[in-house]
Amino acid sequence: MNPENFSARIKNCAPNTEFELVGLSPAALNPQDVAFWKQWIVGDHHGEMRYLEKFARESIVQWFPEARSVLLVGLKYAAPYHGQAEKNLAHAAQEKHGRIASYAQYPDYHVEMKKRLQNVLERIKDIEPKTQGKIFVDTSPILERSYAQQASLGWIGKNTMLINKKEGSYFFIGGIALNLELTPDQPDPMSHCGTCTRCIDACPTQCLTPYHLNANNCISYLTIEKKTMETNPGLASKMGSWIFGCDICQSVCPFNKQQKTARDKNETKELTFSNPAIPSEINLEEINHWTESNYRDRFRGFPMGRVKWPAFLRNCRIAAENLESHPRQYLVIKSHRR
């Protein structure tokens, strides 16, 4: 079998009934991506996320020495498009509710992705019994977005998210490092963001410049990854009603807005992550009566379980203060086009 046909058979082991996006990348990363990551770390734009400094991120071979190719996949989840996101945000502000990012409304995606990727790896071994592979999602020391871009799953946009022209950016990334020499997919050399700056204009904390994120100012970082309890008052006042994560830079993206049209036309299949298991907002007054046990029981098995109880209370306090002091400020998402 020629290399192209063999590689196609390997890709078909991840059917679109399980993953909407599939592609192949070489094991070596683009040197420019590695250099960008190093400069980002040196600039201390990763805040307290010291795990991002691990040198193994220079190449997947540092993590899995046998790697010769990488199979990348994308698993979609349903999220509100821009118009609906505006309505949700306005409702949360009016009712004094804390907001939760879309992906966190579903059970922990790591479990489902790893299960599906294990099935893919077993299918690959049926084709080539000598296959060795190692599965990853986003908890391993790998620059998975750079690999996904190389595998033609999309391009890294101005909001630093991986964006696919057809599917938008509401999808989880995972993959398998393989000891097989496979023919890689050819990435699209273009950034299709063009002159659009909606994500940058809409960001409440101005943490974005084109293709660059200062995590220190990002609402997702401030509500999830930041472990120290103190938050700069100037930043806190811009965090609005978010208590876990933030969807704004994705919800205003035109490539996600078009997903609403596709769903209306019944052009997309039913997603595994299509019916949220927890609401997009929580009454902040209700949380005042919770105990730590209530919190743990409520979010066990969900991404929100990553945040410690004191940090969660910090997030809720900031949201409550913002909604009390500046309620009208959080009714509309800015989305100007330049």
C-alpha atoms as a PDB file:
ATOM      1  CA  MET A   1       0.000   0.000   0.000  1.00  0.00           C
ATOM      2  CA  ASN A   2       1.373   3.430  -0.904  1.00  0.00           C
ATOM      3  CA  PRO A   3       1.969   5.960   1.904  1.00  0.00           C
ATOM      4  CA  GLU A   4      -1.002   8.180   0.954  1.00  0.00           C
ATOM      5  CA  ASN A   5      -3.497   5.296   1.028  1.00  0.00           C
ATOM      6  CA  PHE A   6      -2.061   3.986   4.282  1.00  0.00           C
ATOM      7  CA  SER A   7      -2.314   7.426   5.870  1.00  0.00           C
ATOM      8  CA  ALA A   8      -5.921   7.762   4.673  1.00  0.00           C
ATOM      9  CA  ARG A   9      -6.792   4.445   6.304  1.00  0.00           C
ATOM     10  CA  ILE A  10      -5.266   5.640   9.582  1.00  0.00           C
ATOM     11  CA  LYS A  11      -7.281   8.870   9.446  1.00  0.00           C
ATOM     12  CA  ASN A  12     -10.459   6.892   8.795  1.00  0.00           C
ATOM     13  CA  CYS A  13      -9.961   5.175  12.138  1.00  0.00           C
ATOM     14  CA  ALA A  14     -11.316   8.419  13.626  1.00  0.00           C
ATOM     15  CA  PRO A  15     -14.718   8.566  11.882  1.00  0.00           C
ATOM     16  CA  ASN A  16     -16.758  11.763  11.742  1.00  0.00           C
ATOM     17  CA  THR A  17     -19.409  10.049  13.838  1.00  0.00           C
ATOM     18  CA  GLU A  18     -16.948  10.435  16.725  1.00  0.00           C
ATOM     19  CA  PHE A  19     -14.872  13.473  15.741  1.00  0.00           C
ATOM     20  CA  GLU A  20     -15.883  16.299  13.419  1.00  0.00           C
ATOM     21  CA  LEU A  21     -12.271  17.155  12.561  1.00  0.00           C
ATOM     22  CA  VAL A  22      -9.378  14.787  11.815  1.00  0.00           C
ATOM     23  CA  GLY A  23      -5.916  15.484  10.434  1.00  0.00           C
ATOM     24  CA  LEU A  24      -2.305  14.329  10.405  1.00  0.00           C
ATOM     25  CA  SER A  25       0.761  16.317  11.427  1.00  0.00           C
ATOM     26  CA  PRO A  26       4.476  15.520  11.402  1.00  0.00           C
ATOM     27  CA  ALA A  27       6.067  15.070  14.819  1.00  0.00           C
ATOM     28  CA  ALA A  28       8.266  18.131  14.342  1.00  0.00           C
ATOM     29  CA  LEU A  29       6.717  21.490  15.156  1.00  0.00           C
ATOM     30  CA  ASN A  30       7.070  24.639  13.116  1.00  0.00           C
ATOM     31  CA  PRO A  31      10.145  26.386  14.630  1.00  0.00           C
ATOM     32  CA  GLN A  32       8.270  29.701  14.562  1.00  0.00           C
ATOM     33  CA  ASP A  33       5.584  28.276  16.854  1.00  0.00           C
ATOM     34  CA  VAL A  34       8.223  27.056  19.299  1.00  0.00           C
ATOM     35  CA  ALA A  35       9.956  30.445  19.258  1.00  0.00           C
ATOM     36  CA  PHE A  36       6.632  32.244  19.832  1.00  0.00           C
ATOM     37  CA  TRP A  37       5.833  30.016  22.820  1.00  0.00           C
ATOM     38  CA  LYS A  38       9.267  30.670  24.346  1.00  0.00           C
ATOM     39  CA  GLN A  39       8.924  34.430  23.908  1.00  0.00           C
ATOM     40  CA  TRP A  40       5.437  34.283  25.444  1.00  0.00           C
ATOM     41  CA  ILE A  41       6.844  32.505  28.495  1.00  0.00           C
ATOM     42  CA  VAL A  42       9.811  34.870  28.821  1.00  0.00           C
ATOM     43  CA  GLY A  43       7.364  37.787  28.676  1.00  0.00           C
ATOM     44  CA  ASP A  44       5.540  36.262  31.683  1.00  0.00           C
ATOM     45  CA  HIS A  45       2.238  36.301  29.792  1.00  0.00           C
ATOM     46  CA  HIS A  46       1.263  32.940  31.304  1.00  0.00           C
ATOM     47  CA  GLY A  47       0.718  34.234  34.836  1.00  0.00           C
ATOM     48  CA  GLU A  48       0.775  31.518  37.506  1.00  0.00           C
ATOM     49  CA  MET A  49       0.490  28.677  34.968  1.00  0.00           C
ATOM     50  CA  ARG A  50       4.050  27.480  35.528  1.00  0.00           C
ATOM     51  CA  TYR A  51       3.248  24.074  34.030  1.00  0.00           C
ATOM     52  CA  LEU A  52       3.295  25.787  30.621  1.00  0.00           C
ATOM     53  CA  GLU A  53       7.063  26.289  31.008  1.00  0.00           C
ATOM     54  CA  LYS A  54       7.876  22.569  30.616  1.00  0.00           C
ATOM     55  CA  PHE A  55      10.568  22.187  27.966  1.00  0.00           C
ATOM     56  CA  ALA A  56       8.826  19.058  26.648  1.00  0.00           C
ATOM     57  CA  ARG A  57       6.466  21.401  24.765  1.00  0.00           C
ATOM     58  CA  GLU A  58       9.254  22.060  22.250  1.00  0.00           C
ATOM     59  CA  SER A  59       8.358  18.783  20.557  1.00  0.00           C
ATOM     60  CA  ILE A  60       6.008  15.886  21.106  1.00  0.00           C
ATOM     61  CA  VAL A  61       9.081  13.653  20.821  1.00  0.00           C
ATOM     62  CA  GLN A  62      10.174  14.969  24.231  1.00  0.00           C
ATOM     63  CA  TRP A  63       6.960  13.471  25.627  1.00  0.00           C
ATOM     64  CA  PHE A  64       6.795  10.345  23.444  1.00  0.00           C
ATOM     65  CA  PRO A  65      10.229   9.576  21.930  1.00  0.00           C
ATOM     66  CA  GLU A  66       8.785   7.042  19.451  1.00  0.00           C
ATOM     67  CA  ALA A  67       6.567   9.677  17.807  1.00  0.00           C
ATOM     68  CA  ARG A  68       6.919  10.005  14.043  1.00  0.00           C
ATOM     69  CA  SER A  69       3.457  11.423  13.251  1.00  0.00           C
ATOM     70  CA  VAL A  70       0.523  12.866  15.163  1.00  0.00           C
ATOM     71  CA  LEU A  71      -3.175  12.223  14.590  1.00  0.00           C
ATOM     72  CA  LEU A  72      -5.207  15.297  15.638  1.00  0.00           C
ATOM     73  CA  VAL A  73      -8.959  15.392  16.244  1.00  0.00           C
ATOM     74  CA  GLY A  74     -11.589  17.986  17.078  1.00  0.00           C
ATOM     75  CA  LEU A  75     -14.779  17.226  19.029  1.00  0.00           C
ATOM     76  CA  LYS A  76     -17.486  19.885  18.762  1.00  0.00           C
ATOM     77  CA  TYR A  77     -19.687  21.198  21.540  1.00  0.00           C
ATOM     78  CA  ALA A  78     -22.777  23.351  21.211  1.00  0.00           C
ATOM     79  CA  ALA A  79     -22.474  26.948  22.361  1.00  0.00           C
ATOM     80  CA  PRO A  80     -24.521  30.113  21.860  1.00  0.00           C
ATOM     81  CA  TYR A  81     -23.824  32.232  18.799  1.00  0.00           C
ATOM     82  CA  HIS A  82     -23.280  35.980  19.239  1.00  0.00           C
ATOM     83  CA  GLY A  83     -26.915  37.106  19.385  1.00  0.00           C
ATOM     84  CA  GLN A  84     -27.875  34.429  21.889  1.00  0.00           C
ATOM     85  CA  ALA A  85     -24.742  35.088  23.928  1.00  0.00           C
ATOM     86  CA  GLU A  86     -25.737  38.751  24.227  1.00  0.00           C
ATOM     87  CA  LYS A  87     -29.187  37.747  25.481  1.00  0.00           C
ATOM     88  CA  ASN A  88     -27.693  35.322  28.001  1.00  0.00           C
ATOM     89  CA  LEU A  89     -25.280  37.941  29.292  1.00  0.00           C
ATOM     90  CA  ALA A  90     -28.028  40.547  29.603  1.00  0.00           C
ATOM     91  CA  HIS A  91     -30.274  38.107  31.460  1.00  0.00           C
ATOM     92  CA  ALA A  92     -27.482  37.224  33.889  1.00  0.00           C
ATOM     93  CA  ALA A  93     -26.858  40.911  34.586  1.00  0.00           C
ATOM     94  CA  GLN A  94     -30.530  41.692  35.130  1.00  0.00           C
ATOM     95  CA  GLU A  95     -31.101  38.719  37.421  1.00  0.00           C
ATOM     96  CA  LYS A  96     -27.729  39.063  39.205  1.00  0.00           C
ATOM     97  CA  HIS A  97     -26.596  35.633  38.119  1.00  0.00           C
ATOM     98  CA  GLY A  98     -23.033  34.381  37.726  1.00  0.00           C
ATOM     99  CA  ARG A  99     -22.065  33.205  34.210  1.00  0.00           C
ATOM    100  CA  ILE A 100     -20.378  29.918  33.288  1.00  0.00           C
ATOM    101  CA  ALA A 101     -18.434  29.341  30.052  1.00  0.00           C
ATOM    102  CA  SER A 102     -20.176  27.068  27.540  1.00  0.00           C
ATOM    103  CA  TYR A 103     -17.719  24.170  27.598  1.00  0.00           C
ATOM    104  CA  ALA A 104     -17.935  23.932  31.398  1.00  0.00           C
ATOM    105  CA  GLN A 105     -21.667  23.250  31.244  1.00  0.00           C
ATOM    106  CA  TYR A 106     -20.925  19.706  30.059  1.00  0.00           C
ATOM    107  CA  PRO A 107     -19.325  16.775  31.934  1.00  0.00           C
ATOM    108  CA  ASP A 108     -15.529  16.729  31.818  1.00  0.00           C
ATOM    109  CA  TYR A 109     -14.652  16.357  28.130  1.00  0.00           C
ATOM    110  CA  HIS A 110     -11.270  14.763  28.916  1.00  0.00           C
ATOM    111  CA  VAL A 111     -12.980  11.502  29.887  1.00  0.00           C
ATOM    112  CA  GLU A 112     -15.070  11.252  26.715  1.00  0.00           C
ATOM    113  CA  MET A 113     -12.232  12.244  24.387  1.00  0.00           C
ATOM    114  CA  LYS A 114      -9.760   9.807  25.901  1.00  0.00           C
ATOM    115  CA  LYS A 115     -12.297   6.986  25.609  1.00  0.00           C
ATOM    116  CA  ARG A 116     -12.903   7.743  21.947  1.00  0.00           C
ATOM    117  CA  LEU A 117      -9.201   8.166  21.208  1.00  0.00           C
ATOM    118  CA  GLN A 118      -8.480   4.810  22.836  1.00  0.00           C
ATOM    119  CA  ASN A 119     -10.997   3.242  20.445  1.00  0.00           C
ATOM    120  CA  VAL A 120      -9.231   4.959  17.538  1.00  0.00           C
ATOM    121  CA  LEU A 121      -5.858   3.650  18.686  1.00  0.00           C
ATOM    122  CA  GLU A 122      -7.220   0.088  18.858  1.00  0.00           C
ATOM    123  CA  ARG A 123      -8.515   0.404  15.279  1.00  0.00           C
ATOM    124  CA  ILE A 124      -5.120   1.629  14.126  1.00  0.00           C
ATOM    125  CA  LYS A 125      -3.472  -1.384  15.793  1.00  0.00           C
ATOM    126  CA  ASP A 126      -5.859  -3.645  13.885  1.00  0.00           C
ATOM    127  CA  ILE A 127      -4.429  -2.177  10.677  1.00  0.00           C
ATOM    128  CA  GLU A 128      -0.797  -2.106  11.843  1.00  0.00           C
ATOM    129  CA  PRO A 129      -0.144  -4.392  14.848  1.00  0.00           C
ATOM    130  CA  LYS A 130       3.293  -2.823  15.448  1.00  0.00           C
ATOM    131  CA  THR A 131       1.691   0.542  16.218  1.00  0.00           C
ATOM    132  CA  GLN A 132       2.717   2.335  19.372  1.00  0.00           C
ATOM    133  CA  GLY A 133       0.737   5.377  20.389  1.00  0.00           C
ATOM    134  CA  LYS A 134       0.169   7.787  23.246  1.00  0.00           C
ATOM    135  CA  ILE A 135      -3.080   9.693  23.732  1.00  0.00           C
ATOM    136  CA  PHE A 136      -3.308  13.343  24.768  1.00  0.00           C
ATOM    137  CA  VAL A 137      -5.990  15.966  25.255  1.00  0.00           C
ATOM    138  CA  ASP A 138      -4.945  19.332  26.700  1.00  0.00           C
ATOM    139  CA  THR A 139      -3.385  18.284  29.993  1.00  0.00           C
ATOM    140  CA  SER A 140      -0.172  16.923  28.466  1.00  0.00           C
ATOM    141  CA  PRO A 141       2.944  19.086  27.808  1.00  0.00           C
ATOM    142  CA  ILE A 142       2.123  19.573  24.129  1.00  0.00           C
ATOM    143  CA  LEU A 143       1.426  22.660  21.999  1.00  0.00           C
ATOM    144  CA  GLU A 144      -1.740  20.998  20.733  1.00  0.00           C
ATOM    145  CA  ARG A 145      -3.095  24.014  18.854  1.00  0.00           C
ATOM    146  CA  SER A 146       0.107  24.305  16.843  1.00  0.00           C
ATOM    147  CA  TYR A 147      -0.046  20.615  15.977  1.00  0.00           C
ATOM    148  CA  ALA A 148      -3.734  20.945  15.089  1.00  0.00           C
ATOM    149  CA  GLN A 149      -2.921  23.846  12.772  1.00  0.00           C
ATOM    150  CA  GLN A 150      -0.215  21.748  11.108  1.00  0.00           C
ATOM    151  CA  ALA A 151      -2.777  18.956  10.702  1.00  0.00           C
ATOM    152  CA  SER A 152      -5.071  21.381   8.819  1.00  0.00           C
ATOM    153  CA  LEU A 153      -7.771  21.444  11.493  1.00  0.00           C
ATOM    154  CA  GLY A 154      -7.828  25.237  11.251  1.00  0.00           C
ATOM    155  CA  TRP A 155      -5.754  28.348  11.875  1.00  0.00           C
ATOM    156  CA  ILE A 156      -4.889  30.128  15.115  1.00  0.00           C
ATOM    157  CA  GLY A 157      -6.978  33.285  15.063  1.00  0.00           C
ATOM    158  CA  LYS A 158      -6.513  36.756  16.495  1.00  0.00           C
ATOM    159  CA  ASN A 159      -8.175  35.539  19.702  1.00  0.00           C
ATOM    160  CA  THR A 160      -5.498  32.765  19.837  1.00  0.00           C
ATOM    161  CA  MET A 161      -8.191  30.087  19.454  1.00  0.00           C
ATOM    162  CA  LEU A 162      -7.989  27.426  16.753  1.00  0.00           C
ATOM    163  CA  ILE A 163     -10.668  28.305  14.189  1.00  0.00           C
ATOM    164  CA  ASN A 164     -12.018  26.074  11.437  1.00  0.00           C
ATOM    165  CA  LYS A 165     -13.725  27.793   8.487  1.00  0.00           C
ATOM    166  CA  LYS A 166     -16.653  25.368   8.544  1.00  0.00           C
ATOM    167  CA  GLU A 167     -16.932  24.426  12.222  1.00  0.00           C
ATOM    168  CA  GLY A 168     -15.865  27.635  13.986  1.00  0.00           C
ATOM    169  CA  SER A 169     -13.899  27.295  17.233  1.00  0.00           C
ATOM    170  CA  TYR A 170     -16.270  25.573  19.641  1.00  0.00           C
ATOM    171  CA  PHE A 171     -14.452  22.234  19.701  1.00  0.00           C
ATOM    172  CA  PHE A 172     -12.058  20.326  21.942  1.00  0.00           C
ATOM    173  CA  ILE A 173      -8.647  19.285  20.630  1.00  0.00           C
ATOM    174  CA  GLY A 174      -6.961  15.961  21.269  1.00  0.00           C
ATOM    175  CA  GLY A 175      -4.823  13.434  19.501  1.00  0.00           C
ATOM    176  CA  ILE A 176      -2.496  10.446  19.415  1.00  0.00           C
ATOM    177  CA  ALA A 177       1.262  10.511  18.982  1.00  0.00           C
ATOM    178  CA  LEU A 178       2.128   7.562  16.725  1.00  0.00           C
ATOM    179  CA  ASN A 179       5.319   5.698  15.832  1.00  0.00           C
ATOM    180  CA  LEU A 180       4.117   5.498  12.215  1.00  0.00           C
ATOM    181  CA  GLU A 181       5.534   7.459   9.295  1.00  0.00           C
ATOM    182  CA  LEU A 182       2.409   9.023   7.816  1.00  0.00           C
ATOM    183  CA  THR A 183       1.752  11.573   5.088  1.00  0.00           C
ATOM    184  CA  PRO A 184       0.783  14.825   6.842  1.00  0.00           C
ATOM    185  CA  ASP A 185      -2.089  17.027   5.762  1.00  0.00           C
ATOM    186  CA  GLN A 186      -1.187  20.369   4.248  1.00  0.00           C
ATOM    187  CA  PRO A 187      -2.174  23.280   6.505  1.00  0.00           C
ATOM    188  CA  ASP A 188      -3.880  26.349   5.111  1.00  0.00           C
ATOM    189  CA  PRO A 189      -1.128  29.017   5.086  1.00  0.00           C
ATOM    190  CA  MET A 190      -3.659  31.843   5.483  1.00  0.00           C
ATOM    191  CA  SER A 191      -5.231  33.460   8.515  1.00  0.00           C
ATOM    192  CA  HIS A 192      -8.852  33.957   7.557  1.00  0.00           C
ATOM    193  CA  CYS A 193      -9.404  36.578  10.253  1.00  0.00           C
ATOM    194  CA  GLY A 194      -8.604  39.220   7.648  1.00  0.00           C
ATOM    195  CA  THR A 195      -9.200  42.742   8.961  1.00  0.00           C
ATOM    196  CA  CYS A 196     -11.799  41.650  11.534  1.00  0.00           C
ATOM    197  CA  THR A 197     -11.035  42.667  15.138  1.00  0.00           C
ATOM    198  CA  ARG A 198     -14.334  41.768  16.808  1.00  0.00           C
ATOM    199  CA  CYS A 199     -12.703  39.533  19.414  1.00  0.00           C
ATOM    200  CA  ILE A 200     -10.173  42.214  20.350  1.00  0.00           C
ATOM    201  CA  ASP A 201     -12.784  44.968  20.512  1.00  0.00           C
ATOM    202  CA  ALA A 202     -15.164  42.867  22.611  1.00  0.00           C
ATOM    203  CA  CYS A 203     -12.666  41.710  25.262  1.00  0.00           C
ATOM    204  CA  PRO A 204     -13.600  43.519  28.505  1.00  0.00           C
ATOM    205  CA  THR A 205     -10.078  43.349  29.961  1.00  0.00           C
ATOM    206  CA  GLN A 206      -8.151  44.101  26.742  1.00  0.00           C
ATOM    207  CA  CYS A 207      -6.073  40.946  27.166  1.00  0.00           C
ATOM    208  CA  LEU A 208      -5.912  40.431  23.390  1.00  0.00           C
ATOM    209  CA  THR A 209      -3.800  41.937  20.683  1.00  0.00           C
ATOM    210  CA  PRO A 210      -3.766  40.278  17.235  1.00  0.00           C
ATOM    211  CA  TYR A 211      -2.720  36.615  17.660  1.00  0.00           C
ATOM    212  CA  HIS A 212      -1.481  37.250  21.196  1.00  0.00           C
ATOM    213  CA  LEU A 213      -3.014  36.692  24.638  1.00  0.00           C
ATOM    214  CA  ASN A 214      -1.807  38.139  27.928  1.00  0.00           C
ATOM    215  CA  ALA A 215      -3.278  35.513  30.236  1.00  0.00           C
ATOM    216  CA  ASN A 216      -2.696  37.716  33.270  1.00  0.00           C
ATOM    217  CA  ASN A 217      -5.660  39.844  32.150  1.00  0.00           C
ATOM    218  CA  CYS A 218      -7.882  37.097  30.710  1.00  0.00           C
ATOM    219  CA  ILE A 219     -11.197  36.427  32.495  1.00  0.00           C
ATOM    220  CA  SER A 220     -10.824  32.673  31.943  1.00  0.00           C
ATOM    221  CA  TYR A 221      -7.418  32.759  33.606  1.00  0.00           C
ATOM    222  CA  LEU A 222      -8.610  35.012  36.427  1.00  0.00           C
ATOM    223  CA  THR A 223     -11.572  32.763  37.254  1.00  0.00           C
ATOM    224  CA  ILE A 224      -9.936  29.354  36.722  1.00  0.00           C
ATOM    225  CA  GLU A 225      -6.138  29.296  36.763  1.00  0.00           C
ATOM    226  CA  LYS A 226      -5.328  32.142  39.150  1.00  0.00           C
ATOM    227  CA  LYS A 227      -4.723  30.545  42.544  1.00  0.00           C
ATOM    228  CA  THR A 228      -3.736  33.606  44.575  1.00  0.00           C
ATOM    229  CA  MET A 229      -6.823  35.210  46.043  1.00  0.00           C
ATOM    230  CA  GLU A 230      -6.032  38.866  45.358  1.00  0.00           C
ATOM    231  CA  THR A 231      -7.304  40.297  42.065  1.00  0.00           C
ATOM    232  CA  ASN A 232      -6.326  43.740  40.822  1.00  0.00           C
ATOM    233  CA  PRO A 233      -9.386  45.964  41.451  1.00  0.00           C
ATOM    234  CA  GLY A 234      -9.105  47.494  38.000  1.00  0.00           C
ATOM    235  CA  LEU A 235      -9.276  44.033  36.415  1.00  0.00           C
ATOM    236  CA  ALA A 236     -11.934  42.754  38.796  1.00  0.00           C
ATOM    237  CA  SER A 237     -14.279  45.579  37.802  1.00  0.00           C
ATOM    238  CA  LYS A 238     -14.050  44.435  34.152  1.00  0.00           C
ATOM    239  CA  MET A 239     -14.802  40.756  34.819  1.00  0.00           C
ATOM    240  CA  GLY A 240     -18.538  41.306  34.734  1.00  0.00           C
ATOM    241  CA  SER A 241     -20.680  38.407  35.910  1.00  0.00           C
ATOM    242  CA  TRP A 242     -18.340  35.589  34.851  1.00  0.00           C
ATOM    243  CA  ILE A 243     -17.617  33.107  37.649  1.00  0.00           C
ATOM    244  CA  PHE A 244     -15.981  30.365  35.559  1.00  0.00           C
ATOM    245  CA  GLY A 245     -14.344  31.040  32.212  1.00  0.00           C
ATOM    246  CA  CYS A 246     -15.500  33.425  29.484  1.00  0.00           C
ATOM    247  CA  ASP A 247     -16.960  32.955  25.983  1.00  0.00           C
ATOM    248  CA  ILE A 248     -16.876  36.513  24.667  1.00  0.00           C
ATOM    249  CA  CYS A 249     -13.966  36.339  22.207  1.00  0.00           C
ATOM    250  CA  GLN A 250     -15.507  33.204  20.658  1.00  0.00           C
ATOM    251  CA  SER A 251     -19.138  34.284  20.704  1.00  0.00           C
ATOM    252  CA  VAL A 252     -18.439  37.426  18.635  1.00  0.00           C
ATOM    253  CA  CYS A 253     -16.385  35.551  16.014  1.00  0.00           C
ATOM    254  CA  PRO A 254     -18.136  35.475  12.594  1.00  0.00           C
ATOM    255  CA  PHE A 255     -17.021  31.885  12.065  1.00  0.00           C
ATOM    256  CA  ASN A 256     -19.027  30.853  15.128  1.00  0.00           C
ATOM    257  CA  LYS A 257     -22.012  33.001  14.186  1.00  0.00           C
ATOM    258  CA  GLN A 258     -22.410  31.001  10.984  1.00  0.00           C
ATOM    259  CA  GLN A 259     -22.860  27.826  13.053  1.00  0.00           C
ATOM    260  CA  LYS A 260     -26.301  29.135  14.048  1.00  0.00           C
ATOM    261  CA  THR A 261     -27.298  29.233  10.367  1.00  0.00           C
ATOM    262  CA  ALA A 262     -26.032  25.691   9.838  1.00  0.00           C
ATOM    263  CA  ARG A 263     -28.028  24.381  12.814  1.00  0.00           C
ATOM    264  CA  ASP A 264     -31.170  26.120  11.579  1.00  0.00           C
ATOM    265  CA  LYS A 265     -30.775  24.374   8.243  1.00  0.00           C
ATOM    266  CA  ASN A 266     -30.239  21.005   9.955  1.00  0.00           C
ATOM    267  CA  GLU A 267     -26.848  20.706   8.297  1.00  0.00           C
ATOM    268  CA  THR A 268     -25.095  19.471  11.436  1.00  0.00           C
ATOM    269  CA  LYS A 269     -25.532  16.149  13.194  1.00  0.00           C
ATOM    270  CA  GLU A 270     -26.559  15.896  16.812  1.00  0.00           C
ATOM    271  CA  LEU A 271     -23.532  16.530  19.019  1.00  0.00           C
ATOM    272  CA  THR A 272     -22.528  14.510  22.056  1.00  0.00           C
ATOM    273  CA  PHE A 273     -21.967  17.818  23.813  1.00  0.00           C
ATOM    274  CA  SER A 274     -25.225  19.428  22.691  1.00  0.00           C
ATOM    275  CA  ASN A 275     -27.409  19.419  25.812  1.00  0.00           C
ATOM    276  CA  PRO A 276     -25.760  21.199  28.752  1.00  0.00           C
ATOM    277  CA  ALA A 277     -25.977  19.309  32.020  1.00  0.00           C
ATOM    278  CA  ILE A 278     -25.703  22.439  34.176  1.00  0.00           C
ATOM    279  CA  PRO A 279     -27.126  25.917  33.480  1.00  0.00           C
ATOM    280  CA  SER A 280     -25.179  28.751  31.922  1.00  0.00           C
ATOM    281  CA  GLU A 281     -25.782  30.938  34.974  1.00  0.00           C
ATOM    282  CA  ILE A 282     -26.294  30.549  38.718  1.00  0.00           C
ATOM    283  CA  ASN A 283     -28.147  32.780  41.144  1.00  0.00           C
ATOM    284  CA  LEU A 284     -25.464  34.471  43.229  1.00  0.00           C
ATOM    285  CA  GLU A 285     -27.846  34.851  46.172  1.00  0.00           C
ATOM    286  CA  GLU A 286     -28.348  31.100  46.201  1.00  0.00           C
ATOM    287  CA  ILE A 287     -24.595  30.516  46.363  1.00  0.00           C
ATOM    288  CA  ASN A 288     -24.486  32.536  49.595  1.00  0.00           C
ATOM    289  CA  HIS A 289     -26.220  29.593  51.270  1.00  0.00           C
ATOM    290  CA  TRP A 290     -23.912  26.902  49.883  1.00  0.00           C
ATOM    291  CA  THR A 291     -21.283  25.013  51.837  1.00  0.00           C
ATOM    292  CA  GLU A 292     -18.104  23.619  50.326  1.00  0.00           C
ATOM    293  CA  SER A 293     -19.780  20.196  50.272  1.00  0.00           C
ATOM    294  CA  ASN A 294     -22.702  21.636  48.297  1.00  0.00           C
ATOM    295  CA  TYR A 295     -20.245  23.074  45.789  1.00  0.00           C
ATOM    296  CA  ARG A 296     -18.290  19.836  45.418  1.00  0.00           C
ATOM    297  CA  ASP A 297     -21.437  17.732  45.044  1.00  0.00           C
ATOM    298  CA  ARG A 298     -22.913  20.117  42.471  1.00  0.00           C
ATOM    299  CA  PHE A 299     -19.909  20.173  40.152  1.00  0.00           C
ATOM    300  CA  ARG A 300     -18.302  16.770  40.662  1.00  0.00           C
ATOM    301  CA  GLY A 301     -17.315  15.410  37.239  1.00  0.00           C
ATOM    302  CA  PHE A 302     -17.499  18.860  35.615  1.00  0.00           C
ATOM    303  CA  PRO A 303     -14.678  21.278  34.685  1.00  0.00           C
ATOM    304  CA  MET A 304     -15.746  23.631  37.491  1.00  0.00           C
ATOM    305  CA  GLY A 305     -14.478  21.050  39.958  1.00  0.00           C
ATOM    306  CA  ARG A 306     -10.946  22.267  39.139  1.00  0.00           C
ATOM    307  CA  VAL A 307     -11.502  25.496  41.057  1.00  0.00           C
ATOM    308  CA  LYS A 308     -11.023  25.387  44.807  1.00  0.00           C
ATOM    309  CA  TRP A 309     -13.896  26.518  47.014  1.00  0.00           C
ATOM    310  CA  PRO A 310     -12.195  29.745  48.216  1.00  0.00           C
ATOM    311  CA  ALA A 311     -11.372  30.770  44.626  1.00  0.00           C
ATOM    312  CA  PHE A 312     -14.941  30.042  43.551  1.00  0.00           C
ATOM    313  CA  LEU A 313     -16.247  32.277  46.344  1.00  0.00           C
ATOM    314  CA  ARG A 314     -13.787  34.971  45.218  1.00  0.00           C
ATOM    315  CA  ASN A 315     -15.198  34.787  41.692  1.00  0.00           C
ATOM    316  CA  CYS A 316     -18.777  35.001  42.952  1.00  0.00           C
ATOM    317  CA  ARG A 317     -17.960  37.958  45.190  1.00  0.00           C
ATOM    318  CA  ILE A 318     -16.388  39.858  42.276  1.00  0.00           C
ATOM    319  CA  ALA A 319     -19.374  39.101  40.033  1.00  0.00           C
ATOM    320  CA  ALA A 320     -21.840  40.217  42.725  1.00  0.00           C
ATOM    321  CA  GLU A 321     -19.943  43.454  43.333  1.00  0.00           C
ATOM    322  CA  ASN A 322     -19.804  44.206  39.614  1.00  0.00           C
ATOM    323  CA  LEU A 323     -23.516  43.604  39.130  1.00  0.00           C
ATOM    324  CA  GLU A 324     -24.339  45.703  42.169  1.00  0.00           C
ATOM    325  CA  SER A 325     -22.090  48.624  41.221  1.00  0.00           C
ATOM    326  CA  HIS A 326     -22.313  48.695  37.402  1.00  0.00           C
ATOM    327  CA  PRO A 327     -25.264  46.528  36.278  1.00  0.00           C
ATOM    328  CA  ARG A 328     -25.793  48.268  32.922  1.00  0.00           C
ATOM    329  CA  GLN A 329     -22.137  47.894  31.969  1.00  0.00           C
ATOM    330  CA  TYR A 330     -22.586  44.134  31.465  1.00  0.00           C
ATOM    331  CA  LEU A 331     -25.796  44.112  29.421  1.00  0.00           C
ATOM    332  CA  VAL A 332     -24.187  44.183  25.947  1.00  0.00           C
ATOM    333  CA  ILE A 333     -21.122  42.605  24.359  1.00  0.00           C
ATOM    334  CA  LYS A 334     -19.129  45.097  22.315  1.00  0.00           C
ATOM    335  CA  SER A 335     -18.477  43.769  18.818  1.00  0.00           C
ATOM    336  CA  HIS A 336     -17.384  46.581  16.544  1.00  0.00           C
ATOM    337  CA  ARG A 337     -15.754  45.892  13.206  1.00  0.00           C
ATOM    338  CA  ARG A 338     -12.803  48.023  12.206  1.00  0.00           C
END
